[in-house]
Every structure is written in structure tokens, then in C-alpha cells.
């Protein structure tokens, strides 16, 4: 099942992969920010509890 891809198809695939990587990077950045905010909230809640 060897399939030959044209240069245009390869370029399209690479472009889509780059788009997906950039989207993943953005999601990871948002998750990191959310994690940092959660750590701050937990810390403040622990201070109130003490």
C-alpha cells in the first residue's frame, strides 16, 4: 500500500501539522496559566484556613 504523495499534498500535510502544533502549544500555554492560577487559589484558601 505504498502511496506516492505529490509535493502539493506534502506541503498541505506539513501546513496542517504546523497548525496543529501551534494550536497544541496555545492549549498548553493556557493549561499552564490555569495551573498557576489554581496554585494561587489553593494557597490563598490554605491561608484562610490557618
N, C-alpha and C. Protein backbone atom coordinates (compact mmCIF):
# COMPACT_ATOMS: atom_id res chain seq x y z
N UNK A 1 0.82 -1.21 0.00
CA UNK A 1 0.00 0.00 0.00
C UNK A 1 0.86 1.26 0.00
N UNK A 2 1.90 1.24 -0.76
CA UNK A 2 2.73 2.44 -0.86
C UNK A 2 2.01 3.47 -1.71
N UNK A 3 1.91 4.66 -1.16
CA UNK A 3 1.24 5.73 -1.89
C UNK A 3 2.25 6.84 -2.09
N UNK A 4 2.28 7.35 -3.28
CA UNK A 4 3.17 8.48 -3.58
C UNK A 4 2.37 9.77 -3.40
N UNK A 5 2.92 10.68 -2.63
CA UNK A 5 2.28 11.97 -2.41
C UNK A 5 2.92 13.01 -3.30
N UNK A 6 2.09 13.88 -3.83
CA UNK A 6 2.62 14.98 -4.63
C UNK A 6 3.24 16.02 -3.69
N UNK A 7 4.05 16.87 -4.24
CA UNK A 7 4.67 17.93 -3.43
C UNK A 7 3.60 18.82 -2.80
N UNK A 8 2.54 19.09 -3.53
CA UNK A 8 1.45 19.92 -3.01
C UNK A 8 0.76 19.23 -1.83
N UNK A 9 0.54 17.93 -1.92
CA UNK A 9 -0.07 17.19 -0.81
C UNK A 9 0.83 17.19 0.41
N UNK A 10 2.12 17.02 0.19
CA UNK A 10 3.07 17.06 1.30
C UNK A 10 3.07 18.43 1.95
N UNK A 11 3.05 19.47 1.14
CA UNK A 11 3.02 20.84 1.68
C UNK A 11 1.75 21.08 2.49
N UNK A 12 0.63 20.56 2.00
CA UNK A 12 -0.64 20.70 2.73
C UNK A 12 -0.58 19.97 4.07
N UNK A 13 -0.06 18.75 4.04
CA UNK A 13 0.06 17.97 5.28
C UNK A 13 0.96 18.67 6.29
N UNK A 14 2.09 19.17 5.82
CA UNK A 14 3.02 19.87 6.71
C UNK A 14 2.39 21.14 7.28
N UNK A 15 1.65 21.84 6.44
CA UNK A 15 0.98 23.05 6.90
C UNK A 15 -0.05 22.73 7.99
N UNK A 16 -0.81 21.66 7.78
CA UNK A 16 -1.80 21.25 8.78
C UNK A 16 -1.13 20.79 10.07
N UNK A 17 -0.02 20.08 9.94
CA UNK A 17 0.70 19.64 11.14
C UNK A 17 1.23 20.83 11.92
N UNK A 18 1.75 21.83 11.21
CA UNK A 18 2.24 23.03 11.89
C UNK A 18 1.09 23.76 12.59
N UNK A 19 -0.05 23.84 11.92
CA UNK A 19 -1.23 24.46 12.52
C UNK A 19 -1.64 23.72 13.80
N UNK A 20 -1.63 22.39 13.74
CA UNK A 20 -1.98 21.59 14.91
C UNK A 20 -0.97 21.77 16.04
N UNK A 21 0.31 21.82 15.69
CA UNK A 21 1.34 22.04 16.71
C UNK A 21 1.17 23.40 17.38
N UNK A 22 0.86 24.42 16.59
CA UNK A 22 0.65 25.75 17.15
C UNK A 22 -0.58 25.78 18.06
N UNK A 23 -1.64 25.08 17.65
CA UNK A 23 -2.84 25.01 18.49
C UNK A 23 -2.54 24.27 19.79
N UNK A 24 -1.77 23.20 19.70
CA UNK A 24 -1.39 22.45 20.90
C UNK A 24 -0.54 23.31 21.82
N UNK A 25 0.36 24.07 21.25
CA UNK A 25 1.19 24.98 22.03
C UNK A 25 0.32 26.00 22.77
N UNK A 26 -0.66 26.56 22.07
CA UNK A 26 -1.56 27.53 22.70
C UNK A 26 -2.36 26.89 23.83
N UNK A 27 -2.84 25.67 23.61
CA UNK A 27 -3.59 24.97 24.66
C UNK A 27 -2.71 24.69 25.87
N UNK A 28 -1.47 24.26 25.63
CA UNK A 28 -0.56 24.00 26.75
C UNK A 28 -0.27 25.28 27.52
N UNK A 29 -0.13 26.39 26.82
CA UNK A 29 0.10 27.67 27.50
C UNK A 29 -1.08 28.04 28.38
N UNK A 30 -2.30 27.82 27.87
CA UNK A 30 -3.49 28.10 28.67
C UNK A 30 -3.59 27.18 29.87
N UNK A 31 -3.25 25.91 29.68
CA UNK A 31 -3.28 24.96 30.80
C UNK A 31 -2.25 25.33 31.86
N UNK A 32 -1.10 25.79 31.43
CA UNK A 32 -0.07 26.22 32.38
C UNK A 32 -0.58 27.41 33.19
N UNK A 33 -1.20 28.37 32.52
CA UNK A 33 -1.74 29.54 33.21
C UNK A 33 -2.83 29.11 34.20
N UNK A 34 -3.73 28.24 33.77
CA UNK A 34 -4.78 27.76 34.67
C UNK A 34 -4.18 27.06 35.88
N UNK A 35 -3.15 26.27 35.67
CA UNK A 35 -2.50 25.58 36.77
C UNK A 35 -1.90 26.57 37.76
N UNK A 36 -1.24 27.61 37.24
CA UNK A 36 -0.65 28.62 38.11
C UNK A 36 -1.73 29.35 38.91
N UNK A 37 -2.86 29.64 38.27
CA UNK A 37 -3.96 30.30 38.97
C UNK A 37 -4.54 29.39 40.04
N UNK A 38 -4.68 28.11 39.74
CA UNK A 38 -5.18 27.16 40.74
C UNK A 38 -4.25 27.06 41.94
N UNK A 39 -2.95 27.06 41.69
CA UNK A 39 -1.98 27.02 42.78
C UNK A 39 -2.15 28.24 43.67
N UNK A 40 -2.36 29.41 43.06
CA UNK A 40 -2.57 30.64 43.84
C UNK A 40 -3.85 30.55 44.67
N UNK A 41 -4.92 30.06 44.07
CA UNK A 41 -6.20 29.95 44.77
C UNK A 41 -6.07 28.98 45.94
N UNK A 42 -5.44 27.84 45.71
CA UNK A 42 -5.27 26.85 46.78
C UNK A 42 -4.42 27.44 47.91
N UNK A 43 -3.39 28.16 47.55
CA UNK A 43 -2.54 28.79 48.55
C UNK A 43 -3.33 29.78 49.40
N UNK A 44 -4.15 30.59 48.75
CA UNK A 44 -4.96 31.57 49.50
C UNK A 44 -6.00 30.89 50.37
N UNK A 45 -6.60 29.83 49.86
CA UNK A 45 -7.57 29.09 50.67
C UNK A 45 -6.90 28.47 51.89
N UNK A 46 -5.69 27.95 51.70
CA UNK A 46 -4.96 27.38 52.83
C UNK A 46 -4.61 28.46 53.85
N UNK A 47 -4.31 29.66 53.39
CA UNK A 47 -4.01 30.77 54.32
C UNK A 47 -5.25 31.13 55.13
N UNK A 48 -6.41 31.14 54.48
CA UNK A 48 -7.66 31.46 55.18
C UNK A 48 -8.01 30.38 56.20
N UNK A 49 -7.66 29.16 55.89
CA UNK A 49 -7.98 28.03 56.75
C UNK A 49 -7.10 27.99 58.00
N UNK A 50 -5.92 28.61 57.90
CA UNK A 50 -4.96 28.56 59.02
C UNK A 50 -5.34 29.50 60.13
